[in-house]
PDB file of all heavy atoms in Angstrom:
ATOM      1  N   ALA A   1      86.147  96.260 112.240  1.00  0.00           N
ATOM      2  CA  ALA A   1      86.774  97.556 112.470  1.00  0.00           C
ATOM      3  C   ALA A   1      88.193  97.623 111.954  1.00  0.00           C
ATOM      4  O   ALA A   1      88.634  98.596 111.405  1.00  0.00           O
ATOM      5  CB  ALA A   1      86.723  97.902 113.988  1.00  0.00           C
ATOM      6  N   ALA A   2      88.923  96.518 112.188  1.00  0.00           N
ATOM      7  CA  ALA A   2      90.280  96.444 111.639  1.00  0.00           C
ATOM      8  C   ALA A   2      90.290  96.513 110.121  1.00  0.00           C
ATOM      9  O   ALA A   2      91.137  97.116 109.498  1.00  0.00           O
ATOM     10  CB  ALA A   2      90.956  95.170 112.121  1.00  0.00           C
ATOM     11  N   GLY A   3      89.312  95.840 109.505  1.00  0.00           N
ATOM     12  CA  GLY A   3      89.167  95.913 108.052  1.00  0.00           C
ATOM     13  C   GLY A   3      88.929  97.312 107.552  1.00  0.00           C
ATOM     14  O   GLY A   3      89.517  97.747 106.554  1.00  0.00           O
ATOM     15  N   VAL A   4      88.043  98.047 108.221  1.00  0.00           N
ATOM     16  CA  VAL A   4      87.734  99.418 107.848  1.00  0.00           C
ATOM     17  C   VAL A   4      89.002 100.272 107.943  1.00  0.00           C
ATOM     18  O   VAL A   4      89.330 101.053 107.052  1.00  0.00           O
ATOM     19  CB  VAL A   4      86.597  99.988 108.745  1.00  0.00           C
ATOM     20  CG1 VAL A   4      86.477 101.495 108.512  1.00  0.00           C
ATOM     21  CG2 VAL A   4      85.305  99.283 108.515  1.00  0.00           C
ATOM     22  N   ALA A   5      89.725 100.115 109.023  1.00  0.00           N
ATOM     23  CA  ALA A   5      90.945 100.915 109.231  1.00  0.00           C
ATOM     24  C   ALA A   5      91.993 100.578 108.173  1.00  0.00           C
ATOM     25  O   ALA A   5      92.669 101.502 107.671  1.00  0.00           O
ATOM     26  CB  ALA A   5      91.529 100.620 110.639  1.00  0.00           C
ATOM     27  N   THR A   6      92.098  99.312 107.777  1.00  0.00           N
ATOM     28  CA  THR A   6      93.074  98.929 106.760  1.00  0.00           C
ATOM     29  C   THR A   6      92.701  99.524 105.395  1.00  0.00           C
ATOM     30  O   THR A   6      93.546  99.990 104.650  1.00  0.00           O
ATOM     31  CB  THR A   6      93.194  97.427 106.692  1.00  0.00           C
ATOM     32  OG1 THR A   6      93.508  96.902 107.997  1.00  0.00           O
ATOM     33  CG2 THR A   6      94.287  96.994 105.722  1.00  0.00           C
ATOM     34  N   LEU A   7      91.418  99.459 105.067  1.00  0.00           N
ATOM     35  CA  LEU A   7      90.971 100.060 103.801  1.00  0.00           C
ATOM     36  C   LEU A   7      91.292 101.571 103.790  1.00  0.00           C
ATOM     37  O   LEU A   7      91.757 102.076 102.762  1.00  0.00           O
ATOM     38  CB  LEU A   7      89.445  99.854 103.620  1.00  0.00           C
ATOM     39  CG  LEU A   7      88.977  98.431 103.277  1.00  0.00           C
ATOM     40  CD1 LEU A   7      87.467  98.299 103.451  1.00  0.00           C
ATOM     41  CD2 LEU A   7      89.425  98.082 101.871  1.00  0.00           C
ATOM     42  N   ARG A   8      91.031 102.213 104.876  1.00  0.00           N
ATOM     43  CA  ARG A   8      91.332 103.673 104.907  1.00  0.00           C
ATOM     44  C   ARG A   8      92.838 103.938 104.785  1.00  0.00           C
ATOM     45  O   ARG A   8      93.278 104.889 104.169  1.00  0.00           O
ATOM     46  CB  ARG A   8      90.800 104.276 106.190  1.00  0.00           C
ATOM     47  CG  ARG A   8      89.293 104.214 106.334  1.00  0.00           C
ATOM     48  CD  ARG A   8      88.737 105.283 107.280  1.00  0.00           C
ATOM     49  NE  ARG A   8      87.353 105.037 107.614  1.00  0.00           N
ATOM     50  CZ  ARG A   8      86.327 105.283 106.814  1.00  0.00           C
ATOM     51  NH1 ARG A   8      86.520 105.706 105.575  1.00  0.00           N
ATOM     52  NH2 ARG A   8      85.063 105.073 107.201  1.00  0.00           N
ATOM     53  N   GLN A   9      93.634 103.060 105.414  1.00  0.00           N
ATOM     54  CA  GLN A   9      95.078 103.219 105.355  1.00  0.00           C
ATOM     55  C   GLN A   9      95.531 103.191 103.881  1.00  0.00           C
ATOM     56  O   GLN A   9      96.320 104.051 103.422  1.00  0.00           O
ATOM     57  CB  GLN A   9      95.788 102.091 106.123  1.00  0.00           C
ATOM     58  CG  GLN A   9      97.226 101.996 105.858  1.00  0.00           C
ATOM     59  CD  GLN A   9      97.876 100.782 106.569  1.00  0.00           C
ATOM     60  OE1 GLN A   9      98.177 100.851 107.734  1.00  0.00           O
ATOM     61  NE2 GLN A   9      98.025  99.657 105.878  1.00  0.00           N
ATOM     62  N   TYR A  10      95.076 102.184 103.116  1.00  0.00           N
ATOM     63  CA  TYR A  10      95.479 102.080 101.771  1.00  0.00           C
ATOM     64  C   TYR A  10      94.861 103.115 100.867  1.00  0.00           C
ATOM     65  O   TYR A  10      95.481 103.515  99.846  1.00  0.00           O
ATOM     66  CB  TYR A  10      95.265 100.655 101.243  1.00  0.00           C
ATOM     67  CG  TYR A  10      96.221  99.679 101.867  1.00  0.00           C
ATOM     68  CD1 TYR A  10      95.762  98.536 102.536  1.00  0.00           C
ATOM     69  CD2 TYR A  10      97.617  99.898 101.817  1.00  0.00           C
ATOM     70  CE1 TYR A  10      96.652  97.635 103.100  1.00  0.00           C
ATOM     71  CE2 TYR A  10      98.459  99.041 102.418  1.00  0.00           C
ATOM     72  CZ  TYR A  10      98.021  97.911 103.065  1.00  0.00           C
ATOM     73  OH  TYR A  10      98.929  97.059 103.620  1.00  0.00           O
ATOM     74  N   ALA A  11      93.700 103.556 101.202  1.00  0.00           N
ATOM     75  CA  ALA A  11      93.085 104.657 100.422  1.00  0.00           C
ATOM     76  C   ALA A  11      93.916 105.934 100.563  1.00  0.00           C
ATOM     77  O   ALA A  11      94.047 106.721  99.600  1.00  0.00           O
ATOM     78  CB  ALA A  11      91.672 104.931 100.884  1.00  0.00           C
ATOM     79  N   GLU A  12      94.522 106.143 101.737  1.00  0.00           N
ATOM     80  CA  GLU A  12      95.373 107.318 101.923  1.00  0.00           C
ATOM     81  C   GLU A  12      96.746 107.136 101.277  1.00  0.00           C
ATOM     82  O   GLU A  12      97.332 108.067 100.707  1.00  0.00           O
ATOM     83  CB  GLU A  12      95.529 107.625 103.421  1.00  0.00           C
ATOM     84  CG  GLU A  12      94.237 108.038 104.107  1.00  0.00           C
ATOM     85  CD  GLU A  12      93.744 109.380 103.593  1.00  0.00           C
ATOM     86  OE1 GLU A  12      94.589 110.274 103.275  1.00  0.00           O
ATOM     87  OE2 GLU A  12      92.541 109.534 103.463  1.00  0.00           O
ATOM     88  N   LEU A  13      97.297 105.936 101.399  1.00  0.00           N
ATOM     89  CA  LEU A  13      98.640 105.703 100.932  1.00  0.00           C
ATOM     90  C   LEU A  13      98.708 105.535  99.408  1.00  0.00           C
ATOM     91  O   LEU A  13      99.717 105.847  98.780  1.00  0.00           O
ATOM     92  CB  LEU A  13      99.243 104.458 101.559  1.00  0.00           C
ATOM     93  CG  LEU A  13      99.548 104.503 103.039  1.00  0.00           C
ATOM     94  CD1 LEU A  13      99.936 103.161 103.596  1.00  0.00           C
ATOM     95  CD2 LEU A  13     100.619 105.532 103.352  1.00  0.00           C
ATOM     96  N   GLY A  14      97.647 105.040  98.806  1.00  0.00           N
ATOM     97  CA  GLY A  14      97.673 104.732  97.372  1.00  0.00           C
ATOM     98  C   GLY A  14      98.073 105.895  96.488  1.00  0.00           C
ATOM     99  O   GLY A  14      98.981 105.736  95.625  1.00  0.00           O
ATOM    100  N   PRO A  15      97.444 107.040  96.633  1.00  0.00           N
ATOM    101  CA  PRO A  15      97.793 108.139  95.701  1.00  0.00           C
ATOM    102  C   PRO A  15      99.226 108.695  95.838  1.00  0.00           C
ATOM    103  O   PRO A  15      99.693 109.362  94.959  1.00  0.00           O
ATOM    104  CB  PRO A  15      96.747 109.259  96.061  1.00  0.00           C
ATOM    105  CG  PRO A  15      95.623 108.485  96.672  1.00  0.00           C
ATOM    106  CD  PRO A  15      96.250 107.372  97.422  1.00  0.00           C
ATOM    107  N   VAL A  16      99.878 108.383  96.958  1.00  0.00           N
ATOM    108  CA  VAL A  16     101.236 108.889  97.142  1.00  0.00           C
ATOM    109  C   VAL A  16     102.260 107.739  97.072  1.00  0.00           C
ATOM    110  O   VAL A  16     103.412 107.914  97.489  1.00  0.00           O
ATOM    111  CB  VAL A  16     101.386 109.642  98.481  1.00  0.00           C
ATOM    112  CG1 VAL A  16     100.556 110.906  98.459  1.00  0.00           C
ATOM    113  CG2 VAL A  16     100.971 108.772  99.676  1.00  0.00           C
ATOM    114  N   HIS A  17     101.807 106.595  96.553  1.00  0.00           N
ATOM    115  CA  HIS A  17     102.747 105.515  96.384  1.00  0.00           C
ATOM    116  C   HIS A  17     103.922 105.905  95.540  1.00  0.00           C
ATOM    117  O   HIS A  17     103.756 106.512  94.458  1.00  0.00           O
ATOM    118  CB  HIS A  17     102.052 104.290  95.784  1.00  0.00           C
ATOM    119  CG  HIS A  17     102.882 103.072  95.725  1.00  0.00           C
ATOM    120  ND1 HIS A  17     103.023 102.310  94.612  1.00  0.00           N
ATOM    121  CD2 HIS A  17     103.678 102.514  96.647  1.00  0.00           C
ATOM    122  CE1 HIS A  17     103.838 101.280  94.817  1.00  0.00           C
ATOM    123  NE2 HIS A  17     104.243 101.380  96.093  1.00  0.00           N
ATOM    124  N   ARG A  18     105.074 105.600  95.966  1.00  0.00           N
ATOM    125  CA  ARG A  18     106.280 106.226  95.499  1.00  0.00           C
ATOM    126  C   ARG A  18     106.759 105.746  94.104  1.00  0.00           C
ATOM    127  O   ARG A  18     106.478 104.654  93.674  1.00  0.00           O
ATOM    128  CB  ARG A  18     107.404 106.024  96.503  1.00  0.00           C
ATOM    129  CG  ARG A  18     107.798 104.553  96.625  1.00  0.00           C
ATOM    130  CD  ARG A  18     109.011 104.450  97.546  1.00  0.00           C
ATOM    131  NE  ARG A  18     109.496 103.070  97.582  1.00  0.00           N
ATOM    132  CZ  ARG A  18     109.246 102.196  98.561  1.00  0.00           C
ATOM    133  NH1 ARG A  18     108.521 102.605  99.599  1.00  0.00           N
ATOM    134  NH2 ARG A  18     109.740 100.980  98.544  1.00  0.00           N
ATOM    135  N   GLY A  19     107.532 106.586  93.483  1.00  0.00           N
ATOM    136  CA  GLY A  19     108.444 106.259  92.392  1.00  0.00           C
ATOM    137  C   GLY A  19     109.699 107.021  92.726  1.00  0.00           C
ATOM    138  O   GLY A  19     109.770 107.701  93.726  1.00  0.00           O
ATOM    139  N   ARG A  20     110.729 106.905  91.893  1.00  0.00           N
ATOM    140  CA  ARG A  20     111.925 107.697  92.183  1.00  0.00           C
ATOM    141  C   ARG A  20     112.694 107.996  90.919  1.00  0.00           C
ATOM    142  O   ARG A  20     112.627 107.206  89.924  1.00  0.00           O
ATOM    143  CB  ARG A  20     112.837 107.016  93.188  1.00  0.00           C
ATOM    144  CG  ARG A  20     113.403 105.690  92.794  1.00  0.00           C
ATOM    145  CD  ARG A  20     114.134 105.080  93.991  1.00  0.00           C
ATOM    146  NE  ARG A  20     114.651 103.774  93.717  1.00  0.00           N
ATOM    147  CZ  ARG A  20     115.899 103.541  93.321  1.00  0.00           C
ATOM    148  NH1 ARG A  20     116.738 104.547  93.155  1.00  0.00           N
ATOM    149  NH2 ARG A  20     116.320 102.299  93.098  1.00  0.00           N
ATOM    150  N   ALA A  21     113.390 109.117  90.921  1.00  0.00           N
ATOM    151  CA  ALA A  21     114.235 109.480  89.781  1.00  0.00           C
ATOM    152  C   ALA A  21     115.653 108.942  90.014  1.00  0.00           C
ATOM    153  O   ALA A  21     116.102 108.762  91.139  1.00  0.00           O
ATOM    154  CB  ALA A  21     114.292 110.990  89.658  1.00  0.00           C
ATOM    155  N   LEU A  22     116.318 108.635  88.944  1.00  0.00           N
ATOM    156  CA  LEU A  22     117.673 108.101  88.998  1.00  0.00           C
ATOM    157  C   LEU A  22     118.661 109.153  88.489  1.00  0.00           C
ATOM    158  O   LEU A  22     118.315 109.966  87.634  1.00  0.00           O
ATOM    159  CB  LEU A  22     117.797 106.844  88.133  1.00  0.00           C
ATOM    160  CG  LEU A  22     116.857 105.676  88.495  1.00  0.00           C
ATOM    161  CD1 LEU A  22     117.014 104.564  87.509  1.00  0.00           C
ATOM    162  CD2 LEU A  22     117.162 105.152  89.899  1.00  0.00           C
ATOM    163  N   ALA A  23     119.826 109.127  89.062  1.00  0.00           N
ATOM    164  CA  ALA A  23     120.877 110.072  88.589  1.00  0.00           C
ATOM    165  C   ALA A  23     121.536 109.523  87.342  1.00  0.00           C
ATOM    166  O   ALA A  23     122.309 108.574  87.415  1.00  0.00           O
ATOM    167  CB  ALA A  23     121.897 110.324  89.703  1.00  0.00           C
ATOM    168  N   GLY A  24     121.245 110.125  86.211  1.00  0.00           N
ATOM    169  CA  GLY A  24     121.836 109.652  84.983  1.00  0.00           C
ATOM    170  C   GLY A  24     122.407 110.794  84.184  1.00  0.00           C
ATOM    171  O   GLY A  24     122.853 111.818  84.732  1.00  0.00           O
ATOM    172  N   ASP A  25     122.385 110.702  82.869  1.00  0.00           N
ATOM    173  CA  ASP A  25     122.900 111.738  82.015  1.00  0.00           C
ATOM    174  C   ASP A  25     122.106 113.031  82.169  1.00  0.00           C
ATOM    175  O   ASP A  25     120.894 112.998  82.259  1.00  0.00           O
ATOM    176  CB  ASP A  25     122.823 111.269  80.543  1.00  0.00           C
ATOM    177  CG  ASP A  25     123.671 112.085  79.611  1.00  0.00           C
ATOM    178  OD1 ASP A  25     123.379 113.303  79.486  1.00  0.00           O
ATOM    179  OD2 ASP A  25     124.621 111.544  78.995  1.00  0.00           O
ATOM    180  N   ILE A  26     122.815 114.151  82.132  1.00  0.00           N
ATOM    181  CA  ILE A  26     122.157 115.453  82.308  1.00  0.00           C
ATOM    182  C   ILE A  26     121.133 115.726  81.215  1.00  0.00           C
ATOM    183  O   ILE A  26     120.181 116.479  81.391  1.00  0.00           O
ATOM    184  CB  ILE A  26     123.210 116.563  82.372  1.00  0.00           C
ATOM    185  CG1 ILE A  26     122.569 117.893  82.815  1.00  0.00           C
ATOM    186  CG2 ILE A  26     123.907 116.754  81.022  1.00  0.00           C
ATOM    187  CD1 ILE A  26     122.024 117.847  84.237  1.00  0.00           C
ATOM    188  N   ASP A  27     121.301 115.104  80.073  1.00  0.00           N
ATOM    189  CA  ASP A  27     120.404 115.358  78.942  1.00  0.00           C
ATOM    190  C   ASP A  27     119.269 114.310  78.845  1.00  0.00           C
ATOM    191  O   ASP A  27     118.535 114.287  77.843  1.00  0.00           O
ATOM    192  CB  ASP A  27     121.172 115.311  77.635  1.00  0.00           C
ATOM    193  CG  ASP A  27     122.159 116.481  77.546  1.00  0.00           C
ATOM    194  OD1 ASP A  27     121.792 117.576  78.010  1.00  0.00           O
ATOM    195  OD2 ASP A  27     123.269 116.283  76.967  1.00  0.00           O
ATOM    196  N   ALA A  28     119.090 113.520  79.897  1.00  0.00           N
ATOM    197  CA  ALA A  28     118.068 112.471  79.903  1.00  0.00           C
ATOM    198  C   ALA A  28     117.314 112.484  81.252  1.00  0.00           C
ATOM    199  O   ALA A  28     117.753 113.058  82.180  1.00  0.00           O
ATOM    200  CB  ALA A  28     118.672 111.124  79.625  1.00  0.00           C
ATOM    201  N   LEU A  29     116.182 111.841  81.215  1.00  0.00           N
ATOM    202  CA  LEU A  29     115.417 111.629  82.432  1.00  0.00           C
ATOM    203  C   LEU A  29     115.261 110.156  82.662  1.00  0.00           C
ATOM    204  O   LEU A  29     114.810 109.421  81.752  1.00  0.00           O
ATOM    205  CB  LEU A  29     114.003 112.288  82.276  1.00  0.00           C
ATOM    206  CG  LEU A  29     113.037 112.114  83.423  1.00  0.00           C
ATOM    207  CD1 LEU A  29     113.565 112.815  84.694  1.00  0.00           C
ATOM    208  CD2 LEU A  29     111.658 112.609  83.045  1.00  0.00           C
ATOM    209  N   ASP A  30     115.632 109.664  83.867  1.00  0.00           N
ATOM    210  CA  ASP A  30     115.486 108.261  84.206  1.00  0.00           C
ATOM    211  C   ASP A  30     114.588 108.172  85.467  1.00  0.00           C
ATOM    212  O   ASP A  30     114.861 108.792  86.482  1.00  0.00           O
ATOM    213  CB  ASP A  30     116.833 107.690  84.549  1.00  0.00           C
ATOM    214  CG  ASP A  30     117.681 107.548  83.278  1.00  0.00           C
ATOM    215  OD1 ASP A  30     117.569 106.531  82.621  1.00  0.00           O
ATOM    216  OD2 ASP A  30     118.433 108.530  82.916  1.00  0.00           O
ATOM    217  N   VAL A  31     113.491 107.427  85.300  1.00  0.00           N
ATOM    218  CA  VAL A  31     112.520 107.320  86.375  1.00  0.00           C
ATOM    219  C   VAL A  31     112.196 105.861  86.604  1.00  0.00           C
ATOM    220  O   VAL A  31     112.022 105.093  85.665  1.00  0.00           O
ATOM    221  CB  VAL A  31     111.229 108.101  86.009  1.00  0.00           C
ATOM    222  CG1 VAL A  31     110.162 107.895  87.072  1.00  0.00           C
ATOM    223  CG2 VAL A  31     111.512 109.586  85.841  1.00  0.00           C
ATOM    224  N   MET A  32     112.026 105.497  87.876  1.00  0.00           N
ATOM    225  CA  MET A  32     111.483 104.160  88.244  1.00  0.00           C
ATOM    226  C   MET A  32     110.059 104.393  88.700  1.00  0.00           C
ATOM    227  O   MET A  32     109.780 105.074  89.680  1.00  0.00           O
ATOM    228  CB  MET A  32     112.297 103.525  89.374  1.00  0.00           C
ATOM    229  CG  MET A  32     113.705 103.146  88.941  1.00  0.00           C
ATOM    230  SD  MET A  32     114.652 102.401  90.292  1.00  0.00           S
ATOM    231  CE  MET A  32     113.741 100.923  90.583  1.00  0.00           C
ATOM    232  N   ALA A  33     109.100 103.861  87.917  1.00  0.00           N
ATOM    233  CA  ALA A  33     107.683 104.084  88.188  1.00  0.00           C
ATOM    234  C   ALA A  33     107.062 102.752  88.644  1.00  0.00           C
ATOM    235  O   ALA A  33     107.353 101.678  88.087  1.00  0.00           O
ATOM    236  CB  ALA A  33     106.995 104.591  86.960  1.00  0.00           C
ATOM    237  N   TYR A  34     106.163 102.822  89.593  1.00  0.00           N
ATOM    238  CA  TYR A  34     105.429 101.651  90.057  1.00  0.00           C
ATOM    239  C   TYR A  34     104.106 101.564  89.284  1.00  0.00           C
ATOM    240  O   TYR A  34     103.326 102.494  89.308  1.00  0.00           O
ATOM    241  CB  TYR A  34     105.167 101.706  91.567  1.00  0.00           C
ATOM    242  CG  TYR A  34     106.390 101.448  92.401  1.00  0.00           C
ATOM    243  CD1 TYR A  34     107.355 102.432  92.572  1.00  0.00           C
ATOM    244  CD2 TYR A  34     106.535 100.224  93.034  1.00  0.00           C
ATOM    245  CE1 TYR A  34     108.518 102.141  93.320  1.00  0.00           C
ATOM    246  CE2 TYR A  34     107.644  99.961  93.803  1.00  0.00           C
ATOM    247  CZ  TYR A  34     108.639 100.918  93.953  1.00  0.00           C
ATOM    248  OH  TYR A  34     109.740 100.646  94.724  1.00  0.00           O
ATOM    249  N   THR A  35     103.855 100.441  88.643  1.00  0.00           N
ATOM    250  CA  THR A  35     102.676 100.290  87.870  1.00  0.00           C
ATOM    251  C   THR A  35     101.924  99.022  88.318  1.00  0.00           C
ATOM    252  O   THR A  35     102.542  98.090  88.930  1.00  0.00           O
ATOM    253  CB  THR A  35     102.997 100.138  86.364  1.00  0.00           C
ATOM    254  OG1 THR A  35     103.859  98.996  86.176  1.00  0.00           O
ATOM    255  CG2 THR A  35     103.700 101.367  85.837  1.00  0.00           C
ATOM    256  N   PRO A  36     100.621  98.929  88.115  1.00  0.00           N
ATOM    257  CA  PRO A  36      99.866  97.757  88.562  1.00  0.00           C
ATOM    258  C   PRO A  36     100.396  96.487  87.911  1.00  0.00           C
ATOM    259  O   PRO A  36     100.863  96.465  86.803  1.00  0.00           O
ATOM    260  CB  PRO A  36      98.443  98.044  88.071  1.00  0.00           C
ATOM    261  CG  PRO A  36      98.416  99.515  87.842  1.00  0.00           C
ATOM    262  CD  PRO A  36      99.774  99.923  87.465  1.00  0.00           C
ATOM    263  N   ARG A  37     100.266  95.384  88.678  1.00  0.00           N
ATOM    264  CA  ARG A  37     100.690  94.091  88.113  1.00  0.00           C
ATOM    265  C   ARG A  37      99.663  93.555  87.107  1.00  0.00           C
ATOM    266  O   ARG A  37     100.031  92.850  86.190  1.00  0.00           O
ATOM    267  CB  ARG A  37     100.906  93.073  89.220  1.00  0.00           C
ATOM    268  CG  ARG A  37     102.171  93.362  90.012  1.00  0.00           C
ATOM    269  CD  ARG A  37     102.534  92.258  90.944  1.00  0.00           C
ATOM    270  NE  ARG A  37     103.863  92.508  91.535  1.00  0.00           N
ATOM    271  CZ  ARG A  37     105.009  92.136  90.994  1.00  0.00           C
ATOM    272  NH1 ARG A  37     105.026  91.454  89.871  1.00  0.00           N
ATOM    273  NH2 ARG A  37     106.175  92.418  91.568  1.00  0.00           N
ATOM    274  N   GLY A  38      98.405  93.905  87.290  1.00  0.00           N
ATOM    275  CA  GLY A  38      97.340  93.440  86.365  1.00  0.00           C
ATOM    276  C   GLY A  38      96.200  92.822  87.101  1.00  0.00           C
ATOM    277  O   GLY A  38      95.380  93.508  87.686  1.00  0.00           O
ATOM    278  N   VAL A  39      96.113  91.498  87.055  1.00  0.00           N
ATOM    279  CA  VAL A  39      95.018  90.749  87.742  1.00  0.00           C
ATOM    280  C   VAL A  39      95.572  90.055  89.004  1.00  0.00           C
ATOM    281  O   VAL A  39      96.507  89.259  88.913  1.00  0.00           O
ATOM    282  CB  VAL A  39      94.369  89.741  86.811  1.00  0.00           C
ATOM    283  CG1 VAL A  39      93.192  89.027  87.538  1.00  0.00           C
ATOM    284  CG2 VAL A  39      93.886  90.400  85.520  1.00  0.00           C
TER     285      VAL A  39
END
């Protein structure tokens, strides 16, 4: 049951996993994005 609950927790959190914008030059966009590590 704990395993089921944990799977559901990450299924809900995954799509909203955060990134953030940085305050930089007004003519540019600076973003920190979270990407998969791989294997």
